[in-house]
């Protein structure tokens, strides 16, 4: 006896199992970290790194940045999902013309 299963049904079943077990899609920002260059490009365009530091990091001191003063030779670590949500909630408080 042979069974034929449609690929769409297999994909649906695998997606449900992955979701139940807490796996996130590859293109998801959940749990992903980015640097300040990528953050500035994705969330603050056309502003650059210095503007992000002055107008967001130093003014608001967000908790989604590991260390807003990383020192020489060290980079910023930003939790992207938390940063994206924060930017959406606080976009009107940011001085975009500074």
C-alpha atoms as a PDB file:
ATOM      1  CA  UNK A   1       0.000   0.000   0.000  1.00  0.00           C
ATOM      2  CA  UNK A   2       1.339   3.431  -0.926  1.00  0.00           C
ATOM      3  CA  UNK A   3       0.232   6.828   0.359  1.00  0.00           C
ATOM      4  CA  UNK A   4       0.555  10.114  -1.453  1.00  0.00           C
ATOM      5  CA  UNK A   5       0.779  13.233   0.664  1.00  0.00           C
ATOM      6  CA  UNK A   6       0.593  16.667  -0.885  1.00  0.00           C
ATOM      7  CA  UNK A   7       3.707  18.814  -0.247  1.00  0.00           C
ATOM      8  CA  UNK A   8       1.522  21.687   0.937  1.00  0.00           C
ATOM      9  CA  UNK A   9       0.114  19.451   3.687  1.00  0.00           C
ATOM     10  CA  UNK A  10       3.602  18.412   4.789  1.00  0.00           C
ATOM     11  CA  UNK A  11       4.754  22.041   4.890  1.00  0.00           C
ATOM     12  CA  UNK A  12       1.684  23.014   6.896  1.00  0.00           C
ATOM     13  CA  UNK A  13       2.295  20.212   9.402  1.00  0.00           C
ATOM     14  CA  UNK A  14       5.991  21.081   9.804  1.00  0.00           C
ATOM     15  CA  UNK A  15       5.140  24.786  10.261  1.00  0.00           C
ATOM     16  CA  UNK A  16       2.667  23.909  13.023  1.00  0.00           C
ATOM     17  CA  UNK A  17       5.217  21.719  14.810  1.00  0.00           C
ATOM     18  CA  UNK A  18       7.912  24.387  14.545  1.00  0.00           C
ATOM     19  CA  UNK A  19       5.538  27.022  15.929  1.00  0.00           C
ATOM     20  CA  UNK A  20       4.498  24.764  18.827  1.00  0.00           C
ATOM     21  CA  UNK A  21       8.153  24.204  19.745  1.00  0.00           C
ATOM     22  CA  UNK A  22       8.992  27.923  19.685  1.00  0.00           C
ATOM     23  CA  UNK A  23      11.139  28.007  16.559  1.00  0.00           C
ATOM     24  CA  UNK A  24      11.140  31.327  14.718  1.00  0.00           C
ATOM     25  CA  UNK A  25      11.352  31.874  10.962  1.00  0.00           C
ATOM     26  CA  UNK A  26      14.794  32.662   9.572  1.00  0.00           C
ATOM     27  CA  UNK A  27      13.732  36.151   8.492  1.00  0.00           C
ATOM     28  CA  UNK A  28      12.288  37.004  11.920  1.00  0.00           C
ATOM     29  CA  UNK A  29      13.962  39.725  13.992  1.00  0.00           C
ATOM     30  CA  UNK A  30      12.974  38.017  17.250  1.00  0.00           C
ATOM     31  CA  UNK A  31      16.124  37.377  19.267  1.00  0.00           C
ATOM     32  CA  UNK A  32      18.371  38.907  16.593  1.00  0.00           C
ATOM     33  CA  UNK A  33      21.068  41.439  17.450  1.00  0.00           C
ATOM     34  CA  UNK A  34      22.395  44.121  15.131  1.00  0.00           C
ATOM     35  CA  UNK A  35      25.055  46.828  15.240  1.00  0.00           C
ATOM     36  CA  UNK A  36      24.583  50.566  15.201  1.00  0.00           C
ATOM     37  CA  UNK A  37      25.273  50.923  11.442  1.00  0.00           C
ATOM     38  CA  UNK A  38      22.485  48.501  10.534  1.00  0.00           C
ATOM     39  CA  UNK A  39      20.162  50.066  13.127  1.00  0.00           C
ATOM     40  CA  UNK A  40      20.755  53.567  11.726  1.00  0.00           C
ATOM     41  CA  UNK A  41      20.136  52.364   8.170  1.00  0.00           C
ATOM     42  CA  UNK A  42      16.990  50.353   8.944  1.00  0.00           C
ATOM     43  CA  UNK A  43      15.281  52.528  11.552  1.00  0.00           C
ATOM     44  CA  UNK A  44      16.724  56.062  11.349  1.00  0.00           C
ATOM     45  CA  UNK A  45      17.415  56.719   7.677  1.00  0.00           C
ATOM     46  CA  UNK A  46      18.783  59.181   6.523  1.00  0.00           C
ATOM     47  CA  UNK A  47      20.472  59.809   9.886  1.00  0.00           C
ATOM     48  CA  UNK A  48      23.806  58.240  10.736  1.00  0.00           C
ATOM     49  CA  UNK A  49      25.624  56.767  13.696  1.00  0.00           C
ATOM     50  CA  UNK A  50      26.425  60.043  15.458  1.00  0.00           C
ATOM     51  CA  UNK A  51      22.786  61.147  15.250  1.00  0.00           C
ATOM     52  CA  UNK A  52      21.599  57.797  16.650  1.00  0.00           C
ATOM     53  CA  UNK A  53      23.985  58.095  19.593  1.00  0.00           C
ATOM     54  CA  UNK A  54      23.027  61.701  20.379  1.00  0.00           C
ATOM     55  CA  UNK A  55      19.291  61.678  19.659  1.00  0.00           C
ATOM     56  CA  UNK A  56      18.317  58.182  20.760  1.00  0.00           C
ATOM     57  CA  UNK A  57      20.938  56.411  22.871  1.00  0.00           C
ATOM     58  CA  UNK A  58      22.103  59.321  25.058  1.00  0.00           C
ATOM     59  CA  UNK A  59      18.722  61.051  25.345  1.00  0.00           C
ATOM     60  CA  UNK A  60      16.499  58.021  25.970  1.00  0.00           C
ATOM     61  CA  UNK A  61      18.995  55.442  27.305  1.00  0.00           C
ATOM     62  CA  UNK A  62      16.978  52.531  25.893  1.00  0.00           C
ATOM     63  CA  UNK A  63      17.291  49.128  27.547  1.00  0.00           C
ATOM     64  CA  UNK A  64      17.568  47.310  24.196  1.00  0.00           C
ATOM     65  CA  UNK A  65      21.196  48.442  23.795  1.00  0.00           C
ATOM     66  CA  UNK A  66      23.702  46.360  25.751  1.00  0.00           C
ATOM     67  CA  UNK A  67      26.003  49.322  26.520  1.00  0.00           C
ATOM     68  CA  UNK A  68      25.489  52.834  25.129  1.00  0.00           C
ATOM     69  CA  UNK A  69      29.130  53.657  25.988  1.00  0.00           C
ATOM     70  CA  UNK A  70      30.994  50.563  24.723  1.00  0.00           C
ATOM     71  CA  UNK A  71      34.428  52.212  24.661  1.00  0.00           C
ATOM     72  CA  UNK A  72      37.172  52.131  22.058  1.00  0.00           C
ATOM     73  CA  UNK A  73      37.298  49.060  19.866  1.00  0.00           C
ATOM     74  CA  UNK A  74      33.960  47.656  20.990  1.00  0.00           C
ATOM     75  CA  UNK A  75      30.688  47.881  19.127  1.00  0.00           C
ATOM     76  CA  UNK A  76      27.086  48.398  20.092  1.00  0.00           C
ATOM     77  CA  UNK A  77      24.843  45.356  20.513  1.00  0.00           C
ATOM     78  CA  UNK A  78      21.193  46.131  19.829  1.00  0.00           C
ATOM     79  CA  UNK A  79      18.309  43.703  20.316  1.00  0.00           C
ATOM     80  CA  UNK A  80      16.461  44.342  17.075  1.00  0.00           C
ATOM     81  CA  UNK A  81      12.963  43.161  17.981  1.00  0.00           C
ATOM     82  CA  UNK A  82      12.883  45.312  21.132  1.00  0.00           C
ATOM     83  CA  UNK A  83      14.445  48.268  19.288  1.00  0.00           C
ATOM     84  CA  UNK A  84      11.914  48.058  16.446  1.00  0.00           C
ATOM     85  CA  UNK A  85       9.016  48.027  18.898  1.00  0.00           C
ATOM     86  CA  UNK A  86      10.492  50.921  20.896  1.00  0.00           C
ATOM     87  CA  UNK A  87      11.065  52.979  17.750  1.00  0.00           C
ATOM     88  CA  UNK A  88       7.451  52.425  16.713  1.00  0.00           C
ATOM     89  CA  UNK A  89       6.159  53.513  20.129  1.00  0.00           C
ATOM     90  CA  UNK A  90       8.465  56.542  20.541  1.00  0.00           C
ATOM     91  CA  UNK A  91       8.755  57.875  16.988  1.00  0.00           C
ATOM     92  CA  UNK A  92       6.870  61.072  17.885  1.00  0.00           C
ATOM     93  CA  UNK A  93       9.187  61.824  20.820  1.00  0.00           C
ATOM     94  CA  UNK A  94      12.334  61.700  18.666  1.00  0.00           C
ATOM     95  CA  UNK A  95      13.649  64.968  17.211  1.00  0.00           C
ATOM     96  CA  UNK A  96      14.026  63.867  13.587  1.00  0.00           C
ATOM     97  CA  UNK A  97      15.163  67.371  12.538  1.00  0.00           C
ATOM     98  CA  UNK A  98      18.118  67.551  14.945  1.00  0.00           C
END
